[in-house]
Amino acid sequence: MHMGIIEGLLDRLVLVGGVLCGGTAPSFIAQYRQRVGGHLDQVLQDLLPFQQIANLRHGGSLDALVQHHLRSTDATFRDEGAAIQAMVTSAQRLRAAYESLDGSLLEQSAFMAVHAEPELLRATWQIYEPSFALSVQGLVFAASVGIVVWLAFLGLWFLLSMPFRRRTPKLARS
């Protein structure tokens, strides 16, 4: 009797919690995308002087500028080449992430689940201001997440409660 009440209360709480998490996920993704965009803008700004040098001396190719640095006999110059290459790589990674976060909510969520950077996630979470998405796509997403979390909870609850279920005796054969 008491287990039924507890299960009923818990499963409703899990469902509501899942819907709330699903409903606020779009705002978190939007804030994460903003942060990625900010980092991309900063890296591109940092690369601008090197791009100008590449335009003057290497036909506009940052890769040629980096290779010129890396081939140098001067260790400081080689280190600069490695630093420029790291910025170029970072810009490419951030641009790809920014573009991936431009798809549907499902595509954005899949990207976040697989490719989100832990450092950017932490930074976004620290300043995250939740809001509930009231668009059709946001509401469907919220309901879907809630149902998936709720079904996972019910399945787990069923599996964990199996050893405690009363076994009903088999009917005697006549």
N, C-alpha and C. Protein backbone atom coordinates (compact mmCIF):
# COMPACT_ATOMS: atom_id res chain seq x y z
N MET A 1 0.83 -1.19 0.00
CA MET A 1 0.00 0.00 0.00
C MET A 1 0.87 1.26 0.00
N HIS A 2 1.82 1.32 0.92
CA HIS A 2 2.68 2.50 1.01
C HIS A 2 3.59 2.63 -0.21
N MET A 3 4.03 1.50 -0.76
CA MET A 3 4.91 1.54 -1.93
C MET A 3 4.16 2.13 -3.12
N GLY A 4 2.88 1.85 -3.25
CA GLY A 4 2.10 2.40 -4.36
C GLY A 4 1.99 3.91 -4.27
N ILE A 5 1.83 4.43 -3.08
CA ILE A 5 1.75 5.88 -2.89
C ILE A 5 3.09 6.53 -3.20
N ILE A 6 4.16 5.93 -2.68
CA ILE A 6 5.51 6.46 -2.93
C ILE A 6 5.83 6.42 -4.41
N GLU A 7 5.55 5.29 -5.04
CA GLU A 7 5.81 5.17 -6.48
C GLU A 7 5.00 6.20 -7.26
N GLY A 8 3.74 6.35 -6.91
CA GLY A 8 2.88 7.32 -7.60
C GLY A 8 3.39 8.75 -7.45
N LEU A 9 3.83 9.10 -6.27
CA LEU A 9 4.36 10.44 -6.03
C LEU A 9 5.69 10.64 -6.75
N LEU A 10 6.57 9.66 -6.64
CA LEU A 10 7.87 9.77 -7.29
C LEU A 10 7.75 9.83 -8.80
N ASP A 11 6.89 9.00 -9.37
CA ASP A 11 6.82 9.01 -10.83
C ASP A 11 6.25 10.33 -11.35
N ARG A 12 5.34 10.96 -10.61
CA ARG A 12 4.82 12.27 -11.02
C ARG A 12 5.91 13.33 -10.89
N LEU A 13 6.69 13.27 -9.82
CA LEU A 13 7.78 14.22 -9.64
C LEU A 13 8.84 14.07 -10.74
N VAL A 14 9.15 12.84 -11.08
CA VAL A 14 10.13 12.59 -12.14
C VAL A 14 9.59 13.11 -13.47
N LEU A 15 8.33 12.88 -13.76
CA LEU A 15 7.73 13.37 -14.99
C LEU A 15 7.79 14.90 -15.06
N VAL A 16 7.36 15.56 -14.00
CA VAL A 16 7.38 17.03 -13.97
C VAL A 16 8.82 17.54 -14.06
N GLY A 17 9.74 16.90 -13.34
CA GLY A 17 11.15 17.30 -13.41
C GLY A 17 11.72 17.14 -14.81
N GLY A 18 11.38 16.05 -15.47
CA GLY A 18 11.83 15.81 -16.85
C GLY A 18 11.29 16.85 -17.81
N VAL A 19 10.02 17.21 -17.64
CA VAL A 19 9.41 18.23 -18.50
C VAL A 19 10.09 19.58 -18.25
N LEU A 20 10.34 19.91 -17.00
CA LEU A 20 11.01 21.18 -16.69
C LEU A 20 12.42 21.22 -17.27
N CYS A 21 13.16 20.13 -17.12
CA CYS A 21 14.51 20.07 -17.70
C CYS A 21 14.45 20.18 -19.22
N GLY A 22 13.53 19.46 -19.83
CA GLY A 22 13.39 19.53 -21.27
C GLY A 22 12.94 20.90 -21.75
N GLY A 23 12.12 21.57 -20.95
CA GLY A 23 11.63 22.89 -21.32
C GLY A 23 12.66 23.99 -21.17
N THR A 24 13.60 23.80 -20.26
CA THR A 24 14.64 24.82 -20.06
C THR A 24 15.91 24.52 -20.86
N ALA A 25 16.01 23.33 -21.43
CA ALA A 25 17.19 22.97 -22.22
C ALA A 25 17.43 23.91 -23.40
N PRO A 26 16.38 24.33 -24.14
CA PRO A 26 16.65 25.24 -25.26
C PRO A 26 17.32 26.55 -24.83
N SER A 27 16.95 27.09 -23.68
CA SER A 27 17.59 28.33 -23.23
C SER A 27 19.05 28.07 -22.86
N PHE A 28 19.34 26.91 -22.28
CA PHE A 28 20.74 26.59 -21.97
C PHE A 28 21.55 26.45 -23.25
N ILE A 29 20.97 25.77 -24.24
CA ILE A 29 21.67 25.58 -25.52
C ILE A 29 21.92 26.94 -26.17
N ALA A 30 20.94 27.83 -26.12
CA ALA A 30 21.11 29.17 -26.71
C ALA A 30 22.23 29.93 -26.01
N GLN A 31 22.28 29.83 -24.69
CA GLN A 31 23.33 30.52 -23.95
C GLN A 31 24.70 29.89 -24.21
N TYR A 32 24.74 28.58 -24.37
CA TYR A 32 26.00 27.89 -24.71
C TYR A 32 26.45 28.35 -26.10
N ARG A 33 25.52 28.43 -27.04
CA ARG A 33 25.85 28.87 -28.40
C ARG A 33 26.40 30.29 -28.39
N GLN A 34 25.81 31.16 -27.57
CA GLN A 34 26.32 32.52 -27.44
C GLN A 34 27.75 32.52 -26.94
N ARG A 35 28.03 31.68 -25.98
CA ARG A 35 29.39 31.59 -25.43
C ARG A 35 30.36 31.09 -26.49
N VAL A 36 29.96 30.07 -27.26
CA VAL A 36 30.80 29.57 -28.35
C VAL A 36 31.07 30.69 -29.35
N GLY A 37 30.01 31.43 -29.69
CA GLY A 37 30.17 32.55 -30.62
C GLY A 37 31.11 33.62 -30.10
N GLY A 38 31.03 33.90 -28.82
CA GLY A 38 31.93 34.87 -28.21
C GLY A 38 33.38 34.42 -28.27
N HIS A 39 33.60 33.15 -27.98
CA HIS A 39 34.97 32.60 -28.06
C HIS A 39 35.48 32.63 -29.49
N LEU A 40 34.61 32.30 -30.44
CA LEU A 40 34.99 32.33 -31.85
C LEU A 40 35.37 33.75 -32.27
N ASP A 41 34.55 34.72 -31.90
CA ASP A 41 34.86 36.11 -32.22
C ASP A 41 36.22 36.52 -31.65
N GLN A 42 36.50 36.11 -30.42
CA GLN A 42 37.77 36.48 -29.78
C GLN A 42 38.96 35.85 -30.50
N VAL A 43 38.86 34.59 -30.84
CA VAL A 43 39.96 33.92 -31.54
C VAL A 43 40.18 34.56 -32.91
N LEU A 44 39.10 34.86 -33.61
CA LEU A 44 39.24 35.50 -34.92
C LEU A 44 39.87 36.88 -34.79
N GLN A 45 39.52 37.59 -33.73
CA GLN A 45 40.12 38.90 -33.47
C GLN A 45 41.61 38.75 -33.17
N ASP A 46 41.96 37.72 -32.40
CA ASP A 46 43.37 37.47 -32.08
C ASP A 46 44.17 37.06 -33.31
N LEU A 47 43.52 36.40 -34.26
CA LEU A 47 44.20 35.96 -35.48
C LEU A 47 44.34 37.07 -36.53
N LEU A 48 43.58 38.13 -36.38
CA LEU A 48 43.56 39.19 -37.38
C LEU A 48 44.95 39.75 -37.72
N PRO A 49 45.80 40.08 -36.74
CA PRO A 49 47.13 40.59 -37.10
C PRO A 49 47.96 39.56 -37.88
N PHE A 50 47.81 38.30 -37.55
CA PHE A 50 48.55 37.26 -38.26
C PHE A 50 48.00 37.09 -39.67
N GLN A 51 46.67 37.23 -39.82
CA GLN A 51 46.08 37.15 -41.15
C GLN A 51 46.59 38.30 -42.02
N GLN A 52 46.74 39.48 -41.42
CA GLN A 52 47.26 40.63 -42.16
C GLN A 52 48.70 40.38 -42.62
N ILE A 53 49.51 39.77 -41.75
CA ILE A 53 50.88 39.42 -42.14
C ILE A 53 50.84 38.37 -43.25
N ALA A 54 49.96 37.38 -43.12
CA ALA A 54 49.83 36.35 -44.15
C ALA A 54 49.40 36.97 -45.48
N ASN A 55 48.53 37.96 -45.41
CA ASN A 55 48.08 38.65 -46.64
C ASN A 55 49.26 39.35 -47.32
N LEU A 56 50.14 39.96 -46.53
CA LEU A 56 51.29 40.70 -47.08
C LEU A 56 52.40 39.79 -47.58
N ARG A 57 52.68 38.73 -46.83
CA ARG A 57 53.89 37.95 -47.07
C ARG A 57 53.66 36.53 -47.62
N HIS A 58 52.43 36.01 -47.48
CA HIS A 58 52.21 34.60 -47.83
C HIS A 58 50.95 34.39 -48.65
N GLY A 59 50.60 35.37 -49.46
CA GLY A 59 49.46 35.22 -50.36
C GLY A 59 48.14 35.00 -49.64
N GLY A 60 48.04 35.47 -48.40
CA GLY A 60 46.80 35.33 -47.64
C GLY A 60 46.65 34.01 -46.91
N SER A 61 47.66 33.14 -46.98
CA SER A 61 47.55 31.82 -46.36
C SER A 61 48.12 31.80 -44.94
N LEU A 62 47.24 31.63 -43.98
CA LEU A 62 47.69 31.48 -42.59
C LEU A 62 48.53 30.21 -42.44
N ASP A 63 48.16 29.17 -43.17
CA ASP A 63 48.92 27.92 -43.09
C ASP A 63 50.35 28.13 -43.56
N ALA A 64 50.54 28.92 -44.61
CA ALA A 64 51.90 29.21 -45.09
C ALA A 64 52.67 30.01 -44.04
N LEU A 65 52.00 30.96 -43.38
CA LEU A 65 52.65 31.72 -42.31
C LEU A 65 53.07 30.81 -41.17
N VAL A 66 52.19 29.91 -40.78
CA VAL A 66 52.50 28.97 -39.70
C VAL A 66 53.68 28.09 -40.10
N GLN A 67 53.67 27.57 -41.31
CA GLN A 67 54.78 26.72 -41.77
C GLN A 67 56.10 27.49 -41.80
N HIS A 68 56.04 28.75 -42.20
CA HIS A 68 57.23 29.60 -42.19
C HIS A 68 57.78 29.71 -40.77
N HIS A 69 56.91 29.91 -39.81
CA HIS A 69 57.33 29.99 -38.40
C HIS A 69 57.91 28.66 -37.93
N LEU A 70 57.22 27.57 -38.26
CA LEU A 70 57.65 26.26 -37.77
C LEU A 70 58.98 25.81 -38.38
N ARG A 71 59.30 26.27 -39.59
CA ARG A 71 60.56 25.89 -40.24
C ARG A 71 61.75 26.74 -39.76
N SER A 72 61.49 27.73 -38.97
CA SER A 72 62.55 28.63 -38.52
C SER A 72 63.53 27.91 -37.60
N THR A 73 64.75 28.40 -37.57
CA THR A 73 65.75 27.86 -36.64
C THR A 73 65.63 28.53 -35.28
N ASP A 74 64.89 29.61 -35.21
CA ASP A 74 64.68 30.34 -33.96
C ASP A 74 63.56 29.66 -33.15
N ALA A 75 63.89 29.20 -31.94
CA ALA A 75 62.92 28.47 -31.11
C ALA A 75 61.71 29.33 -30.76
N THR A 76 61.93 30.60 -30.50
CA THR A 76 60.81 31.50 -30.17
C THR A 76 59.87 31.62 -31.36
N PHE A 77 60.43 31.75 -32.54
CA PHE A 77 59.64 31.86 -33.76
C PHE A 77 58.84 30.57 -33.99
N ARG A 78 59.44 29.41 -33.74
CA ARG A 78 58.72 28.13 -33.87
C ARG A 78 57.58 28.06 -32.85
N ASP A 79 57.84 28.52 -31.64
CA ASP A 79 56.79 28.53 -30.62
C ASP A 79 55.63 29.43 -31.03
N GLU A 80 55.96 30.57 -31.65
CA GLU A 80 54.90 31.45 -32.16
C GLU A 80 54.09 30.73 -33.23
N GLY A 81 54.76 29.99 -34.09
CA GLY A 81 54.07 29.23 -35.13
C GLY A 81 53.11 28.22 -34.52
N ALA A 82 53.54 27.55 -33.47
CA ALA A 82 52.67 26.58 -32.79
C ALA A 82 51.47 27.30 -32.15
N ALA A 83 51.72 28.49 -31.60
CA ALA A 83 50.62 29.25 -30.97
C ALA A 83 49.61 29.71 -32.03
N ILE A 84 50.11 30.16 -33.16
CA ILE A 84 49.20 30.58 -34.24
C ILE A 84 48.40 29.37 -34.73
N GLN A 85 49.07 28.24 -34.89
CA GLN A 85 48.38 27.02 -35.33
C GLN A 85 47.30 26.62 -34.33
N ALA A 86 47.58 26.76 -33.04
CA ALA A 86 46.59 26.43 -32.01
C ALA A 86 45.37 27.35 -32.13
N MET A 87 45.60 28.62 -32.43
CA MET A 87 44.48 29.55 -32.61
C MET A 87 43.66 29.21 -33.85
N VAL A 88 44.35 28.85 -34.93
CA VAL A 88 43.65 28.46 -36.16
C VAL A 88 42.80 27.22 -35.90
N THR A 89 43.37 26.24 -35.22
CA THR A 89 42.64 25.01 -34.90
C THR A 89 41.45 25.31 -34.01
N SER A 90 41.65 26.18 -33.03
CA SER A 90 40.57 26.57 -32.13
C SER A 90 39.45 27.27 -32.90
N ALA A 91 39.80 28.15 -33.81
CA ALA A 91 38.80 28.85 -34.62
C ALA A 91 37.99 27.86 -35.46
N GLN A 92 38.67 26.88 -36.04
CA GLN A 92 37.97 25.87 -36.85
C GLN A 92 37.01 25.06 -35.99
N ARG A 93 37.46 24.65 -34.81
CA ARG A 93 36.64 23.86 -33.89
C ARG A 93 35.42 24.66 -33.42
N LEU A 94 35.65 25.92 -33.05
CA LEU A 94 34.56 26.77 -32.57
C LEU A 94 33.57 27.08 -33.70
N ARG A 95 34.07 27.31 -34.91
CA ARG A 95 33.18 27.58 -36.04
C ARG A 95 32.30 26.36 -36.32
N ALA A 96 32.89 25.18 -36.28
CA ALA A 96 32.12 23.95 -36.51
C ALA A 96 31.06 23.77 -35.42
N ALA A 97 31.43 24.05 -34.17
CA ALA A 97 30.48 23.93 -33.07
C ALA A 97 29.34 24.95 -33.24
N TYR A 98 29.69 26.17 -33.57
CA TYR A 98 28.69 27.22 -33.74
C TYR A 98 27.70 26.86 -34.85
N GLU A 99 28.22 26.34 -35.95
CA GLU A 99 27.36 25.95 -37.06
C GLU A 99 26.50 24.74 -36.69
N SER A 100 27.05 23.82 -35.91
CA SER A 100 26.27 22.64 -35.48
C SER A 100 25.13 23.04 -34.56
N LEU A 101 25.31 24.12 -33.83
CA LEU A 101 24.28 24.59 -32.91
C LEU A 101 23.25 25.48 -33.61
N ASP A 102 23.24 25.45 -34.93
CA ASP A 102 22.32 26.26 -35.71
C ASP A 102 21.19 25.40 -36.28
N GLY A 103 21.18 24.10 -35.99
CA GLY A 103 20.17 23.20 -36.53
C GLY A 103 18.91 23.18 -35.69
N SER A 104 18.14 22.12 -35.86
CA SER A 104 16.91 21.95 -35.07
C SER A 104 17.27 21.71 -33.61
N LEU A 105 16.29 21.80 -32.76
CA LEU A 105 16.50 21.59 -31.33
C LEU A 105 17.02 20.17 -31.06
N LEU A 106 16.52 19.21 -31.80
CA LEU A 106 16.99 17.83 -31.64
C LEU A 106 18.46 17.71 -32.07
N GLU A 107 18.82 18.35 -33.19
CA GLU A 107 20.22 18.33 -33.64
C GLU A 107 21.13 19.05 -32.65
N GLN A 108 20.67 20.17 -32.13
CA GLN A 108 21.45 20.90 -31.14
C GLN A 108 21.67 20.06 -29.89
N SER A 109 20.61 19.39 -29.44
CA SER A 109 20.70 18.54 -28.24
C SER A 109 21.66 17.39 -28.47
N ALA A 110 21.59 16.78 -29.64
CA ALA A 110 22.50 15.68 -29.96
C ALA A 110 23.95 16.17 -29.98
N PHE A 111 24.17 17.34 -30.56
CA PHE A 111 25.52 17.91 -30.57
C PHE A 111 26.01 18.14 -29.14
N MET A 112 25.13 18.73 -28.32
CA MET A 112 25.51 19.03 -26.92
C MET A 112 25.83 17.74 -26.16
N ALA A 113 25.07 16.70 -26.41
CA ALA A 113 25.28 15.44 -25.70
C ALA A 113 26.61 14.79 -26.07
N VAL A 114 27.05 14.99 -27.31
CA VAL A 114 28.24 14.29 -27.80
C VAL A 114 29.49 15.18 -27.86
N HIS A 115 29.32 16.44 -28.26
CA HIS A 115 30.49 17.26 -28.58
C HIS A 115 30.69 18.49 -27.70
N ALA A 116 29.82 18.75 -26.75
CA ALA A 116 29.98 19.95 -25.94
C ALA A 116 31.29 19.91 -25.16
N GLU A 117 31.92 21.07 -25.06
CA GLU A 117 33.20 21.16 -24.35
C GLU A 117 32.95 21.38 -22.87
N PRO A 118 33.53 20.54 -22.01
CA PRO A 118 33.29 20.65 -20.57
C PRO A 118 33.57 22.04 -20.00
N GLU A 119 34.63 22.68 -20.46
CA GLU A 119 34.97 24.02 -19.95
C GLU A 119 33.88 25.03 -20.30
N LEU A 120 33.40 24.98 -21.54
CA LEU A 120 32.33 25.90 -21.94
C LEU A 120 31.01 25.56 -21.26
N LEU A 121 30.77 24.26 -21.03
CA LEU A 121 29.56 23.87 -20.30
C LEU A 121 29.57 24.44 -18.89
N ARG A 122 30.70 24.30 -18.20
CA ARG A 122 30.82 24.83 -16.83
C ARG A 122 30.63 26.34 -16.81
N ALA A 123 31.28 27.02 -17.74
CA ALA A 123 31.18 28.48 -17.79
C ALA A 123 29.74 28.92 -18.09
N THR A 124 29.07 28.21 -18.97
CA THR A 124 27.68 28.54 -19.30
C THR A 124 26.78 28.27 -18.09
N TRP A 125 27.01 27.15 -17.42
CA TRP A 125 26.18 26.78 -16.26
C TRP A 125 26.31 27.81 -15.14
N GLN A 126 27.51 28.37 -14.97
CA GLN A 126 27.74 29.33 -13.89
C GLN A 126 26.90 30.60 -14.06
N ILE A 127 26.61 30.98 -15.29
CA ILE A 127 25.84 32.20 -15.51
C ILE A 127 24.46 31.91 -16.12
N TYR A 128 24.08 30.65 -16.16
CA TYR A 128 22.84 30.22 -16.79
C TYR A 128 21.63 30.83 -16.10
N GLU A 129 20.76 31.40 -16.91
CA GLU A 129 19.48 31.91 -16.42
C GLU A 129 18.38 31.13 -17.13
N PRO A 130 17.76 30.19 -16.41
CA PRO A 130 16.77 29.33 -17.05
C PRO A 130 15.53 30.11 -17.52
N SER A 131 15.01 29.65 -18.62
CA SER A 131 13.72 30.13 -19.10
C SER A 131 13.06 28.94 -19.81
N PHE A 132 11.76 28.94 -19.81
CA PHE A 132 11.01 27.81 -20.39
C PHE A 132 10.60 28.18 -21.80
N ALA A 133 10.93 27.32 -22.75
CA ALA A 133 10.62 27.57 -24.15
C ALA A 133 9.13 27.31 -24.41
N LEU A 134 8.43 28.33 -24.88
CA LEU A 134 7.00 28.20 -25.12
C LEU A 134 6.65 28.05 -26.60
N SER A 135 7.65 27.83 -27.43
CA SER A 135 7.38 27.56 -28.84
C SER A 135 6.84 26.14 -28.97
N VAL A 136 6.23 25.85 -30.10
CA VAL A 136 5.71 24.50 -30.33
C VAL A 136 6.85 23.49 -30.24
N GLN A 137 7.97 23.79 -30.90
CA GLN A 137 9.13 22.90 -30.87
C GLN A 137 9.63 22.72 -29.44
N GLY A 138 9.67 23.81 -28.66
CA GLY A 138 10.13 23.73 -27.28
C GLY A 138 9.20 22.92 -26.40
N LEU A 139 7.89 23.10 -26.59
CA LEU A 139 6.92 22.35 -25.78
C LEU A 139 6.94 20.86 -26.12
N VAL A 140 7.06 20.55 -27.41
CA VAL A 140 7.14 19.14 -27.82
C VAL A 140 8.42 18.52 -27.25
N PHE A 141 9.50 19.27 -27.32
CA PHE A 141 10.77 18.77 -26.78
C PHE A 141 10.65 18.54 -25.27
N ALA A 142 10.05 19.49 -24.55
CA ALA A 142 9.88 19.36 -23.10
C ALA A 142 9.06 18.13 -22.76
N ALA A 143 7.95 17.94 -23.46
CA ALA A 143 7.10 16.77 -23.21
C ALA A 143 7.84 15.48 -23.55
N SER A 144 8.59 15.48 -24.64
CA SER A 144 9.34 14.28 -25.04
C SER A 144 10.40 13.92 -24.01
N VAL A 145 11.15 14.91 -23.56
CA VAL A 145 12.18 14.65 -22.55
C VAL A 145 11.51 14.15 -21.27
N GLY A 146 10.42 14.78 -20.88
CA GLY A 146 9.70 14.35 -19.67
C GLY A 146 9.25 12.91 -19.77
N ILE A 147 8.69 12.53 -20.90
CA ILE A 147 8.19 11.16 -21.08
C ILE A 147 9.34 10.15 -21.10
N VAL A 148 10.43 10.49 -21.78
CA VAL A 148 11.58 9.58 -21.83
C VAL A 148 12.16 9.37 -20.43
N VAL A 149 12.34 10.47 -19.69
CA VAL A 149 12.87 10.36 -18.32
C VAL A 149 11.90 9.57 -17.45
N TRP A 150 10.62 9.83 -17.58
CA TRP A 150 9.60 9.15 -16.79
C TRP A 150 9.58 7.65 -17.09
N LEU A 151 9.64 7.29 -18.39
CA LEU A 151 9.65 5.86 -18.75
C LEU A 151 10.93 5.17 -18.24
N ALA A 152 12.05 5.87 -18.32
CA ALA A 152 13.30 5.30 -17.79
C ALA A 152 13.17 5.08 -16.28
N PHE A 153 12.58 6.04 -15.59
CA PHE A 153 12.36 5.89 -14.14
C PHE A 153 11.46 4.69 -13.86
N LEU A 154 10.35 4.58 -14.58
CA LEU A 154 9.43 3.46 -14.34
C LEU A 154 10.11 2.11 -14.61
N GLY A 155 10.90 2.06 -15.67
CA GLY A 155 11.63 0.82 -15.97
C GLY A 155 12.62 0.48 -14.88
N LEU A 156 13.36 1.47 -14.42
CA LEU A 156 14.33 1.25 -13.35
C LEU A 156 13.61 0.86 -12.05
N TRP A 157 12.51 1.53 -11.75
CA TRP A 157 11.74 1.22 -10.55
C TRP A 157 11.24 -0.22 -10.61
N PHE A 158 10.76 -0.64 -11.76
CA PHE A 158 10.26 -2.01 -11.93
C PHE A 158 11.39 -3.02 -11.71
N LEU A 159 12.54 -2.76 -12.32
CA LEU A 159 13.67 -3.69 -12.18
C LEU A 159 14.17 -3.77 -10.74
N LEU A 160 14.27 -2.62 -10.08
CA LEU A 160 14.77 -2.61 -8.71
C LEU A 160 13.77 -3.19 -7.72
N SER A 161 12.49 -3.13 -8.03
CA SER A 161 11.48 -3.63 -7.11
C SER A 161 11.17 -5.11 -7.32
N MET A 162 11.69 -5.69 -8.39
CA MET A 162 11.39 -7.10 -8.68
C MET A 162 11.72 -8.03 -7.51
N PRO A 163 12.87 -7.92 -6.87
CA PRO A 163 13.17 -8.84 -5.78
C PRO A 163 12.23 -8.69 -4.57
N PHE A 164 11.55 -7.55 -4.48
CA PHE A 164 10.70 -7.31 -3.32
C PHE A 164 9.23 -7.59 -3.57
N ARG A 165 8.91 -7.94 -4.77
CA ARG A 165 7.51 -8.24 -5.09
C ARG A 165 7.13 -9.58 -4.45
N ARG A 166 5.92 -9.62 -3.99
CA ARG A 166 5.42 -10.88 -3.42
C ARG A 166 5.17 -11.86 -4.54
N ARG A 167 5.59 -13.03 -4.29
CA ARG A 167 5.36 -14.07 -5.30
C ARG A 167 4.00 -14.71 -4.99
N THR A 168 3.20 -14.81 -6.00
CA THR A 168 1.91 -15.44 -5.81
C THR A 168 2.09 -16.94 -6.03
N PRO A 169 1.59 -17.76 -5.11
CA PRO A 169 1.77 -19.21 -5.27
C PRO A 169 1.03 -19.72 -6.50
N LYS A 170 1.64 -20.69 -7.12
CA LYS A 170 1.00 -21.32 -8.29
C LYS A 170 -0.20 -22.12 -7.82
N LEU A 171 -1.21 -22.11 -8.63
CA LEU A 171 -2.42 -22.86 -8.29
C LEU A 171 -2.11 -24.36 -8.33
N ALA A 172 -2.63 -25.05 -7.36
CA ALA A 172 -2.41 -26.50 -7.30
C ALA A 172 -3.13 -27.15 -8.46
N ARG A 173 -2.44 -28.10 -9.04
CA ARG A 173 -3.06 -28.82 -10.17
C ARG A 173 -4.07 -29.82 -9.62
N SER A 174 -5.16 -29.93 -10.31
CA SER A 174 -6.18 -30.86 -9.86
C SER A 174 -6.07 -32.19 -10.51
